[in-house]
PDB file of all heavy atoms in Angstrom:
ATOM      1  N   ILE A   1      -0.574  -2.219 -11.203  1.00  0.00           N
ATOM      2  CA  ILE A   1      -0.935  -2.049  -9.785  1.00  0.00           C
ATOM      3  C   ILE A   1      -0.367  -3.189  -8.956  1.00  0.00           C
ATOM      4  O   ILE A   1       0.172  -2.989  -7.860  1.00  0.00           O
ATOM      5  CB  ILE A   1      -2.467  -1.957  -9.636  1.00  0.00           C
ATOM      6  CG1 ILE A   1      -2.989  -0.662 -10.289  1.00  0.00           C
ATOM      7  CG2 ILE A   1      -2.870  -2.004  -8.160  1.00  0.00           C
ATOM      8  CD1 ILE A   1      -4.495  -0.580 -10.368  1.00  0.00           C
ATOM      9  N   ASP A   2      -0.469  -4.425  -9.495  1.00  0.00           N
ATOM     10  CA  ASP A   2       0.067  -5.583  -8.773  1.00  0.00           C
ATOM     11  C   ASP A   2       1.575  -5.463  -8.568  1.00  0.00           C
ATOM     12  O   ASP A   2       2.112  -5.910  -7.546  1.00  0.00           O
ATOM     13  CB  ASP A   2      -0.259  -6.871  -9.541  1.00  0.00           C
ATOM     14  CG  ASP A   2      -1.747  -7.212  -9.505  1.00  0.00           C
ATOM     15  OD1 ASP A   2      -2.432  -6.679  -8.598  1.00  0.00           O
ATOM     16  OD2 ASP A   2      -2.217  -7.973 -10.373  1.00  0.00           O
ATOM     17  N   ARG A   3       2.262  -4.850  -9.519  1.00  0.00           N
ATOM     18  CA  ARG A   3       3.707  -4.695  -9.411  1.00  0.00           C
ATOM     19  C   ARG A   3       4.103  -3.448  -8.616  1.00  0.00           C
ATOM     20  O   ARG A   3       5.278  -3.192  -8.394  1.00  0.00           O
ATOM     21  CB  ARG A   3       4.332  -4.627 -10.813  1.00  0.00           C
ATOM     22  CG  ARG A   3       4.233  -5.917 -11.615  1.00  0.00           C
ATOM     23  CD  ARG A   3       5.141  -5.874 -12.839  1.00  0.00           C
ATOM     24  NE  ARG A   3       4.778  -4.800 -13.755  1.00  0.00           N
ATOM     25  CZ  ARG A   3       3.948  -4.950 -14.796  1.00  0.00           C
ATOM     26  NH1 ARG A   3       3.386  -6.148 -15.037  1.00  0.00           N
ATOM     27  NH2 ARG A   3       3.683  -3.947 -15.595  1.00  0.00           N
ATOM     28  N   GLY A   4       3.106  -2.664  -8.209  1.00  0.00           N
ATOM     29  CA  GLY A   4       3.385  -1.449  -7.438  1.00  0.00           C
ATOM     30  C   GLY A   4       3.949  -0.323  -8.273  1.00  0.00           C
ATOM     31  O   GLY A   4       4.633   0.565  -7.753  1.00  0.00           O
ATOM     32  N   GLU A   5       3.667  -0.321  -9.577  1.00  0.00           N
ATOM     33  CA  GLU A   5       4.184   0.706 -10.462  1.00  0.00           C
ATOM     34  C   GLU A   5       3.223   1.900 -10.548  1.00  0.00           C
ATOM     35  O   GLU A   5       2.015   1.751 -10.321  1.00  0.00           O
ATOM     36  CB  GLU A   5       4.401   0.127 -11.869  1.00  0.00           C
ATOM     37  CG  GLU A   5       5.415  -1.003 -11.920  1.00  0.00           C
ATOM     38  CD  GLU A   5       5.526  -1.606 -13.313  1.00  0.00           C
ATOM     39  OE1 GLU A   5       4.835  -1.104 -14.221  1.00  0.00           O
ATOM     40  OE2 GLU A   5       6.295  -2.574 -13.488  1.00  0.00           O
ATOM     41  N   LYS A   6       3.763   3.059 -10.896  1.00  0.00           N
ATOM     42  CA  LYS A   6       2.929   4.241 -11.100  1.00  0.00           C
ATOM     43  C   LYS A   6       2.152   4.090 -12.398  1.00  0.00           C
ATOM     44  O   LYS A   6       2.663   3.593 -13.395  1.00  0.00           O
ATOM     45  CB  LYS A   6       3.791   5.512 -11.152  1.00  0.00           C
ATOM     46  CG  LYS A   6       4.407   5.882  -9.807  1.00  0.00           C
ATOM     47  CD  LYS A   6       5.149   7.205  -9.919  1.00  0.00           C
ATOM     48  CE  LYS A   6       5.706   7.623  -8.570  1.00  0.00           C
ATOM     49  NZ  LYS A   6       6.438   8.928  -8.647  1.00  0.00           N
ATOM     50  N   LEU A   7       0.907   4.576 -12.377  1.00  0.00           N
ATOM     51  CA  LEU A   7       0.071   4.463 -13.558  1.00  0.00           C
ATOM     52  C   LEU A   7       0.370   5.606 -14.518  1.00  0.00           C
ATOM     53  O   LEU A   7       0.642   6.721 -14.101  1.00  0.00           O
ATOM     54  CB  LEU A   7      -1.407   4.504 -13.166  1.00  0.00           C
ATOM     55  CG  LEU A   7      -1.862   3.429 -12.162  1.00  0.00           C
ATOM     56  CD1 LEU A   7      -3.349   3.540 -11.919  1.00  0.00           C
ATOM     57  CD2 LEU A   7      -1.503   2.031 -12.675  1.00  0.00           C
ATOM     58  N   PRO A   8       0.315   5.359 -15.822  1.00  0.00           N
ATOM     59  CA  PRO A   8       0.575   6.412 -16.807  1.00  0.00           C
ATOM     60  C   PRO A   8      -0.429   7.556 -16.681  1.00  0.00           C
ATOM     61  O   PRO A   8      -1.616   7.341 -16.413  1.00  0.00           O
ATOM     62  CB  PRO A   8       0.413   5.689 -18.149  1.00  0.00           C
ATOM     63  CG  PRO A   8       0.617   4.238 -17.839  1.00  0.00           C
ATOM     64  CD  PRO A   8       0.084   4.043 -16.455  1.00  0.00           C
ATOM     65  N   ALA A   9       0.054   8.781 -16.866  1.00  0.00           N
ATOM     66  CA  ALA A   9      -0.795   9.962 -16.709  1.00  0.00           C
ATOM     67  C   ALA A   9      -1.934   9.995 -17.722  1.00  0.00           C
ATOM     68  O   ALA A   9      -2.973  10.605 -17.467  1.00  0.00           O
ATOM     69  CB  ALA A   9       0.060  11.224 -16.839  1.00  0.00           C
ATOM     70  N   LYS A  10      -1.763   9.312 -18.858  1.00  0.00           N
ATOM     71  CA  LYS A  10      -2.787   9.371 -19.900  1.00  0.00           C
ATOM     72  C   LYS A  10      -4.111   8.740 -19.456  1.00  0.00           C
ATOM     73  O   LYS A  10      -5.157   9.020 -20.048  1.00  0.00           O
ATOM     74  CB  LYS A  10      -2.286   8.673 -21.164  1.00  0.00           C
ATOM     75  CG  LYS A  10      -2.060   7.169 -20.994  1.00  0.00           C
ATOM     76  CD  LYS A  10      -1.594   6.537 -22.294  1.00  0.00           C
ATOM     77  CE  LYS A  10      -1.422   5.023 -22.152  1.00  0.00           C
ATOM     78  NZ  LYS A  10      -0.983   4.407 -23.424  1.00  0.00           N
ATOM     79  N   PHE A  11      -4.080   7.898 -18.395  1.00  0.00           N
ATOM     80  CA  PHE A  11      -5.307   7.259 -17.918  1.00  0.00           C
ATOM     81  C   PHE A  11      -6.026   8.082 -16.837  1.00  0.00           C
ATOM     82  O   PHE A  11      -7.075   7.688 -16.367  1.00  0.00           O
ATOM     83  CB  PHE A  11      -4.994   5.867 -17.352  1.00  0.00           C
ATOM     84  CG  PHE A  11      -4.532   4.889 -18.390  1.00  0.00           C
ATOM     85  CD1 PHE A  11      -3.244   4.364 -18.328  1.00  0.00           C
ATOM     86  CD2 PHE A  11      -5.369   4.490 -19.415  1.00  0.00           C
ATOM     87  CE1 PHE A  11      -2.805   3.462 -19.282  1.00  0.00           C
ATOM     88  CE2 PHE A  11      -4.939   3.579 -20.365  1.00  0.00           C
ATOM     89  CZ  PHE A  11      -3.651   3.066 -20.299  1.00  0.00           C
ATOM     90  N   LYS A  12      -5.444   9.206 -16.455  1.00  0.00           N
ATOM     91  CA  LYS A  12      -5.980   9.962 -15.326  1.00  0.00           C
ATOM     92  C   LYS A  12      -7.420  10.408 -15.568  1.00  0.00           C
ATOM     93  O   LYS A  12      -8.284  10.274 -14.700  1.00  0.00           O
ATOM     94  CB  LYS A  12      -5.093  11.182 -15.052  1.00  0.00           C
ATOM     95  CG  LYS A  12      -5.414  11.907 -13.764  1.00  0.00           C
ATOM     96  CD  LYS A  12      -4.365  12.966 -13.469  1.00  0.00           C
ATOM     97  CE  LYS A  12      -4.637  13.623 -12.118  1.00  0.00           C
ATOM     98  NZ  LYS A  12      -3.598  14.635 -11.789  1.00  0.00           N
ATOM     99  N   SER A  13      -7.689  10.956 -16.764  1.00  0.00           N
ATOM    100  CA  SER A  13      -9.032  11.467 -17.042  1.00  0.00           C
ATOM    101  C   SER A  13     -10.067  10.356 -17.134  1.00  0.00           C
ATOM    102  O   SER A  13     -11.265  10.590 -16.945  1.00  0.00           O
ATOM    103  CB  SER A  13      -9.025  12.267 -18.346  1.00  0.00           C
ATOM    104  OG  SER A  13      -8.615  11.451 -19.426  1.00  0.00           O
ATOM    105  N   GLN A  14      -9.612   9.121 -17.427  1.00  0.00           N
ATOM    106  CA  GLN A  14     -10.546   8.000 -17.526  1.00  0.00           C
ATOM    107  C   GLN A  14     -10.817   7.345 -16.174  1.00  0.00           C
ATOM    108  O   GLN A  14     -11.857   6.735 -15.969  1.00  0.00           O
ATOM    109  CB  GLN A  14      -9.990   6.955 -18.496  1.00  0.00           C
ATOM    110  CG  GLN A  14      -9.861   7.470 -19.934  1.00  0.00           C
ATOM    111  CD  GLN A  14      -9.051   6.531 -20.794  1.00  0.00           C
ATOM    112  OE1 GLN A  14      -7.834   6.529 -20.740  1.00  0.00           O
ATOM    113  NE2 GLN A  14      -9.745   5.728 -21.591  1.00  0.00           N
ATOM    114  N   LEU A  15      -9.874   7.497 -15.244  1.00  0.00           N
ATOM    115  CA  LEU A  15     -10.019   6.849 -13.944  1.00  0.00           C
ATOM    116  C   LEU A  15     -10.631   7.757 -12.877  1.00  0.00           C
ATOM    117  O   LEU A  15     -11.202   7.273 -11.899  1.00  0.00           O
ATOM    118  CB  LEU A  15      -8.648   6.362 -13.455  1.00  0.00           C
ATOM    119  CG  LEU A  15      -7.976   5.272 -14.296  1.00  0.00           C
ATOM    120  CD1 LEU A  15      -6.566   5.024 -13.793  1.00  0.00           C
ATOM    121  CD2 LEU A  15      -8.795   3.984 -14.232  1.00  0.00           C
ATOM    122  N   PHE A  16     -10.509   9.078 -13.065  1.00  0.00           N
ATOM    123  CA  PHE A  16     -10.954  10.000 -12.019  1.00  0.00           C
ATOM    124  C   PHE A  16     -11.904  11.042 -12.585  1.00  0.00           C
ATOM    125  O   PHE A  16     -11.812  11.432 -13.751  1.00  0.00           O
ATOM    126  CB  PHE A  16      -9.748  10.704 -11.378  1.00  0.00           C
ATOM    127  CG  PHE A  16      -8.739   9.760 -10.787  1.00  0.00           C
ATOM    128  CD1 PHE A  16      -7.577   9.443 -11.487  1.00  0.00           C
ATOM    129  CD2 PHE A  16      -8.946   9.175  -9.548  1.00  0.00           C
ATOM    130  CE1 PHE A  16      -6.649   8.566 -10.958  1.00  0.00           C
ATOM    131  CE2 PHE A  16      -8.019   8.300  -9.022  1.00  0.00           C
ATOM    132  CZ  PHE A  16      -6.868   7.987  -9.717  1.00  0.00           C
ATOM    133  N   GLU A  17     -12.805  11.515 -11.726  1.00  0.00           N
ATOM    134  CA  GLU A  17     -13.754  12.559 -12.116  1.00  0.00           C
ATOM    135  C   GLU A  17     -13.146  13.938 -11.855  1.00  0.00           C
ATOM    136  O   GLU A  17     -12.216  14.097 -11.066  1.00  0.00           O
ATOM    137  CB  GLU A  17     -15.057  12.428 -11.329  1.00  0.00           C
ATOM    138  CG  GLU A  17     -15.840  11.161 -11.633  1.00  0.00           C
ATOM    139  CD  GLU A  17     -17.126  11.086 -10.839  1.00  0.00           C
ATOM    140  OE1 GLU A  17     -17.296  11.891  -9.898  1.00  0.00           O
ATOM    141  OE2 GLU A  17     -17.948  10.219 -11.177  1.00  0.00           O
ATOM    142  N   ASN A  18     -13.723  14.940 -12.531  1.00  0.00           N
ATOM    143  CA  ASN A  18     -13.358  16.351 -12.326  1.00  0.00           C
ATOM    144  C   ASN A  18     -11.859  16.612 -12.496  1.00  0.00           C
ATOM    145  O   ASN A  18     -11.245  17.340 -11.725  1.00  0.00           O
ATOM    146  CB  ASN A  18     -13.800  16.824 -10.924  1.00  0.00           C
ATOM    147  CG  ASN A  18     -15.285  16.659 -10.705  1.00  0.00           C
ATOM    148  OD1 ASN A  18     -16.079  16.908 -11.606  1.00  0.00           O
ATOM    149  ND2 ASN A  18     -15.666  16.238  -9.510  1.00  0.00           N
ATOM    150  N   VAL A  19     -11.271  15.983 -13.489  1.00  0.00           N
ATOM    151  CA  VAL A  19      -9.862  16.229 -13.784  1.00  0.00           C
ATOM    152  C   VAL A  19      -9.764  17.533 -14.574  1.00  0.00           C
ATOM    153  O   VAL A  19     -10.461  17.716 -15.572  1.00  0.00           O
ATOM    154  CB  VAL A  19      -9.257  15.075 -14.604  1.00  0.00           C
ATOM    155  CG1 VAL A  19      -7.819  15.385 -14.983  1.00  0.00           C
ATOM    156  CG2 VAL A  19      -9.333  13.789 -13.807  1.00  0.00           C
ATOM    157  N   PRO A  20      -8.949  18.498 -14.133  1.00  0.00           N
ATOM    158  CA  PRO A  20      -8.844  19.767 -14.859  1.00  0.00           C
ATOM    159  C   PRO A  20      -8.291  19.574 -16.251  1.00  0.00           C
ATOM    160  O   PRO A  20      -7.517  18.655 -16.514  1.00  0.00           O
ATOM    161  CB  PRO A  20      -7.886  20.591 -13.982  1.00  0.00           C
ATOM    162  CG  PRO A  20      -7.133  19.586 -13.181  1.00  0.00           C
ATOM    163  CD  PRO A  20      -8.077  18.447 -12.945  1.00  0.00           C
ATOM    164  N   GLU A  21      -8.727  20.467 -17.169  1.00  0.00           N
ATOM    165  CA  GLU A  21      -8.259  20.375 -18.550  1.00  0.00           C
ATOM    166  C   GLU A  21      -6.753  20.610 -18.633  1.00  0.00           C
ATOM    167  O   GLU A  21      -6.062  19.995 -19.435  1.00  0.00           O
ATOM    168  CB  GLU A  21      -8.998  21.404 -19.412  1.00  0.00           C
ATOM    169  CG  GLU A  21     -10.494  21.117 -19.551  1.00  0.00           C
ATOM    170  CD  GLU A  21     -11.172  22.129 -20.448  1.00  0.00           C
ATOM    171  OE1 GLU A  21     -10.454  22.962 -21.044  1.00  0.00           O
ATOM    172  OE2 GLU A  21     -12.401  22.083 -20.556  1.00  0.00           O
ATOM    173  N   VAL A  22      -6.258  21.557 -17.849  1.00  0.00           N
ATOM    174  CA  VAL A  22      -4.832  21.855 -17.821  1.00  0.00           C
ATOM    175  C   VAL A  22      -4.353  21.754 -16.389  1.00  0.00           C
ATOM    176  O   VAL A  22      -4.976  22.307 -15.473  1.00  0.00           O
ATOM    177  CB  VAL A  22      -4.542  23.274 -18.373  1.00  0.00           C
ATOM    178  CG1 VAL A  22      -3.053  23.571 -18.304  1.00  0.00           C
ATOM    179  CG2 VAL A  22      -5.044  23.407 -19.805  1.00  0.00           C
ATOM    180  N   GLU A  23      -3.278  21.051 -16.158  1.00  0.00           N
ATOM    181  CA  GLU A  23      -2.798  20.849 -14.797  1.00  0.00           C
ATOM    182  C   GLU A  23      -1.283  20.903 -14.772  1.00  0.00           C
ATOM    183  O   GLU A  23      -0.612  20.364 -15.667  1.00  0.00           O
ATOM    184  CB  GLU A  23      -3.279  19.498 -14.261  1.00  0.00           C
ATOM    185  CG  GLU A  23      -2.899  19.262 -12.804  1.00  0.00           C
ATOM    186  CD  GLU A  23      -3.393  17.915 -12.298  1.00  0.00           C
ATOM    187  OE1 GLU A  23      -3.893  17.123 -13.119  1.00  0.00           O
ATOM    188  OE2 GLU A  23      -3.262  17.654 -11.085  1.00  0.00           O
ATOM    189  N   LEU A  24      -0.742  21.577 -13.761  1.00  0.00           N
ATOM    190  CA  LEU A  24       0.701  21.644 -13.570  1.00  0.00           C
ATOM    191  C   LEU A  24       1.135  20.438 -12.724  1.00  0.00           C
ATOM    192  O   LEU A  24       0.621  20.226 -11.630  1.00  0.00           O
ATOM    193  CB  LEU A  24       1.063  22.951 -12.858  1.00  0.00           C
ATOM    194  CG  LEU A  24       2.543  23.250 -12.669  1.00  0.00           C
ATOM    195  CD1 LEU A  24       3.224  23.432 -14.019  1.00  0.00           C
ATOM    196  CD2 LEU A  24       2.725  24.504 -11.823  1.00  0.00           C
ATOM    197  N   VAL A  25       2.068  19.677 -13.239  1.00  0.00           N
ATOM    198  CA  VAL A  25       2.480  18.443 -12.566  1.00  0.00           C
ATOM    199  C   VAL A  25       4.006  18.428 -12.458  1.00  0.00           C
ATOM    200  O   VAL A  25       4.706  18.827 -13.382  1.00  0.00           O
ATOM    201  CB  VAL A  25       2.007  17.191 -13.343  1.00  0.00           C
ATOM    202  CG1 VAL A  25       2.475  15.915 -12.646  1.00  0.00           C
ATOM    203  CG2 VAL A  25       0.505  17.198 -13.485  1.00  0.00           C
ATOM    204  N   TRP A  26       4.498  18.016 -11.292  1.00  0.00           N
ATOM    205  CA  TRP A  26       5.932  17.798 -11.117  1.00  0.00           C
ATOM    206  C   TRP A  26       6.109  16.643 -10.140  1.00  0.00           C
ATOM    207  O   TRP A  26       5.168  16.267  -9.421  1.00  0.00           O
ATOM    208  CB  TRP A  26       6.628  19.058 -10.611  1.00  0.00           C
ATOM    209  CG  TRP A  26       6.184  19.526  -9.254  1.00  0.00           C
ATOM    210  CD1 TRP A  26       6.655  19.139  -8.037  1.00  0.00           C
ATOM    211  CD2 TRP A  26       5.132  20.467  -8.983  1.00  0.00           C
ATOM    212  NE1 TRP A  26       5.991  19.774  -7.025  1.00  0.00           N
ATOM    213  CE2 TRP A  26       5.049  20.606  -7.583  1.00  0.00           C
ATOM    214  CE3 TRP A  26       4.265  21.216  -9.779  1.00  0.00           C
ATOM    215  CZ2 TRP A  26       4.123  21.450  -6.963  1.00  0.00           C
ATOM    216  CZ3 TRP A  26       3.357  22.052  -9.165  1.00  0.00           C
ATOM    217  CH2 TRP A  26       3.298  22.167  -7.777  1.00  0.00           C
ATOM    218  N   ALA A  27       7.286  16.080 -10.108  1.00  0.00           N
ATOM    219  CA  ALA A  27       7.562  14.948  -9.228  1.00  0.00           C
ATOM    220  C   ALA A  27       7.387  15.371  -7.773  1.00  0.00           C
ATOM    221  O   ALA A  27       7.940  16.372  -7.335  1.00  0.00           O
ATOM    222  CB  ALA A  27       8.983  14.443  -9.463  1.00  0.00           C
ATOM    223  N   GLY A  28       6.599  14.606  -7.035  1.00  0.00           N
ATOM    224  CA  GLY A  28       6.403  14.884  -5.619  1.00  0.00           C
ATOM    225  C   GLY A  28       5.272  15.851  -5.325  1.00  0.00           C
ATOM    226  O   GLY A  28       5.055  16.219  -4.162  1.00  0.00           O
ATOM    227  N   LYS A  29       4.515  16.289  -6.344  1.00  0.00           N
ATOM    228  CA  LYS A  29       3.430  17.238  -6.092  1.00  0.00           C
ATOM    229  C   LYS A  29       2.333  16.571  -5.274  1.00  0.00           C
ATOM    230  O   LYS A  29       1.908  15.463  -5.555  1.00  0.00           O
ATOM    231  CB  LYS A  29       2.844  17.742  -7.410  1.00  0.00           C
ATOM    232  CG  LYS A  29       1.692  18.734  -7.211  1.00  0.00           C
ATOM    233  CD  LYS A  29       1.084  19.174  -8.525  1.00  0.00           C
ATOM    234  CE  LYS A  29      -0.062  20.130  -8.296  1.00  0.00           C
ATOM    235  NZ  LYS A  29      -0.729  20.535  -9.557  1.00  0.00           N
ATOM    236  N   THR A  30       1.875  17.278  -4.239  1.00  0.00           N
ATOM    237  CA  THR A  30       0.774  16.798  -3.414  1.00  0.00           C
ATOM    238  C   THR A  30       0.004  17.980  -2.879  1.00  0.00           C
ATOM    239  O   THR A  30       0.579  19.044  -2.623  1.00  0.00           O
ATOM    240  CB  THR A  30       1.281  15.939  -2.239  1.00  0.00           C
ATOM    241  OG1 THR A  30       0.168  15.613  -1.395  1.00  0.00           O
ATOM    242  CG2 THR A  30       2.318  16.686  -1.408  1.00  0.00           C
ATOM    243  N   SER A  31      -1.305  17.838  -2.767  1.00  0.00           N
ATOM    244  CA  SER A  31      -2.152  18.910  -2.229  1.00  0.00           C
ATOM    245  C   SER A  31      -2.247  18.843  -0.711  1.00  0.00           C
ATOM    246  O   SER A  31      -2.925  19.663  -0.097  1.00  0.00           O
ATOM    247  CB  SER A  31      -3.556  18.828  -2.837  1.00  0.00           C
ATOM    248  OG  SER A  31      -4.142  17.560  -2.555  1.00  0.00           O
ATOM    249  N   GLU A  32      -1.571  17.857  -0.109  1.00  0.00           N
ATOM    250  CA  GLU A  32      -1.574  17.752   1.351  1.00  0.00           C
ATOM    251  C   GLU A  32      -0.616  18.778   1.937  1.00  0.00           C
ATOM    252  O   GLU A  32       0.518  18.921   1.478  1.00  0.00           O
ATOM    253  CB  GLU A  32      -1.158  16.343   1.786  1.00  0.00           C
ATOM    254  CG  GLU A  32      -2.133  15.252   1.356  1.00  0.00           C
ATOM    255  CD  GLU A  32      -1.685  13.884   1.812  1.00  0.00           C
ATOM    256  OE1 GLU A  32      -0.637  13.805   2.507  1.00  0.00           O
ATOM    257  OE2 GLU A  32      -2.354  12.896   1.478  1.00  0.00           O
ATOM    258  N   VAL A  33      -1.085  19.508   2.938  1.00  0.00           N
ATOM    259  CA  VAL A  33      -0.255  20.517   3.596  1.00  0.00           C
ATOM    260  C   VAL A  33      -0.198  20.207   5.085  1.00  0.00           C
ATOM    261  O   VAL A  33      -1.057  19.512   5.634  1.00  0.00           O
ATOM    262  CB  VAL A  33      -0.797  21.944   3.375  1.00  0.00           C
ATOM    263  CG1 VAL A  33      -0.733  22.322   1.918  1.00  0.00           C
ATOM    264  CG2 VAL A  33      -2.229  22.065   3.892  1.00  0.00           C
ATOM    265  N   THR A  34       0.810  20.745   5.732  1.00  0.00           N
ATOM    266  CA  THR A  34       0.962  20.492   7.161  1.00  0.00           C
ATOM    267  C   THR A  34      -0.182  21.113   7.946  1.00  0.00           C
ATOM    268  O   THR A  34      -0.717  22.161   7.581  1.00  0.00           O
ATOM    269  CB  THR A  34       2.306  21.063   7.654  1.00  0.00           C
ATOM    270  OG1 THR A  34       2.422  20.832   9.050  1.00  0.00           O
ATOM    271  CG2 THR A  34       2.408  22.557   7.390  1.00  0.00           C
ATOM    272  N   ASN A  35      -0.580  20.474   9.026  1.00  0.00           N
ATOM    273  CA  ASN A  35      -1.636  20.973   9.911  1.00  0.00           C
ATOM    274  C   ASN A  35      -1.106  21.261  11.308  1.00  0.00           C
ATOM    275  O   ASN A  35      -1.864  21.331  12.267  1.00  0.00           O
ATOM    276  CB  ASN A  35      -2.781  19.955  10.005  1.00  0.00           C
ATOM    277  CG  ASN A  35      -3.536  19.834   8.700  1.00  0.00           C
ATOM    278  OD1 ASN A  35      -3.843  20.834   8.064  1.00  0.00           O
ATOM    279  ND2 ASN A  35      -3.824  18.611   8.286  1.00  0.00           N
ATOM    280  N   VAL A  36       0.200  21.448  11.419  1.00  0.00           N
ATOM    281  CA  VAL A  36       0.799  21.676  12.725  1.00  0.00           C
ATOM    282  C   VAL A  36       0.309  22.994  13.303  1.00  0.00           C
ATOM    283  O   VAL A  36       0.034  23.945  12.581  1.00  0.00           O
ATOM    284  CB  VAL A  36       2.338  21.674  12.605  1.00  0.00           C
ATOM    285  CG1 VAL A  36       2.828  22.869  11.793  1.00  0.00           C
ATOM    286  CG2 VAL A  36       2.986  21.687  13.979  1.00  0.00           C
ATOM    287  N   VAL A  37       0.140  23.016  14.618  1.00  0.00           N
ATOM    288  CA  VAL A  37      -0.241  24.236  15.333  1.00  0.00           C
ATOM    289  C   VAL A  37       0.795  24.482  16.420  1.00  0.00           C
ATOM    290  O   VAL A  37       0.966  23.661  17.324  1.00  0.00           O
ATOM    291  CB  VAL A  37      -1.648  24.126  15.965  1.00  0.00           C
ATOM    292  CG1 VAL A  37      -1.964  25.394  16.750  1.00  0.00           C
ATOM    293  CG2 VAL A  37      -2.688  23.877  14.894  1.00  0.00           C
ATOM    294  N   LEU A  38       1.517  25.597  16.315  1.00  0.00           N
ATOM    295  CA  LEU A  38       2.539  25.940  17.291  1.00  0.00           C
ATOM    296  C   LEU A  38       2.118  27.197  18.049  1.00  0.00           C
ATOM    297  O   LEU A  38       1.484  28.088  17.484  1.00  0.00           O
ATOM    298  CB  LEU A  38       3.882  26.194  16.591  1.00  0.00           C
ATOM    299  CG  LEU A  38       4.478  25.018  15.821  1.00  0.00           C
ATOM    300  CD1 LEU A  38       5.743  25.467  15.106  1.00  0.00           C
ATOM    301  CD2 LEU A  38       4.781  23.865  16.769  1.00  0.00           C
ATOM    302  N   PRO A  39       2.472  27.299  19.329  1.00  0.00           N
ATOM    303  CA  PRO A  39       2.174  28.530  20.072  1.00  0.00           C
ATOM    304  C   PRO A  39       3.106  29.645  19.632  1.00  0.00           C
ATOM    305  O   PRO A  39       4.258  29.399  19.272  1.00  0.00           O
ATOM    306  CB  PRO A  39       2.431  28.134  21.524  1.00  0.00           C
ATOM    307  CG  PRO A  39       3.456  27.056  21.443  1.00  0.00           C
ATOM    308  CD  PRO A  39       3.151  26.288  20.178  1.00  0.00           C
TER     309      PRO A  39
END
C-alpha cells in the first residue's frame, strides 16, 4: 500500500465482506456507471 501497488487478489476474501464465491474479473472492471442525463 505504501508503494502504491495493487493488492493480490488472494487477499480479497480476507479484507472484504460479502465477496462472491465466483466472480468474473478483468483489467479495468468497475461497477461505476455514468449518471449523465441528456435531453
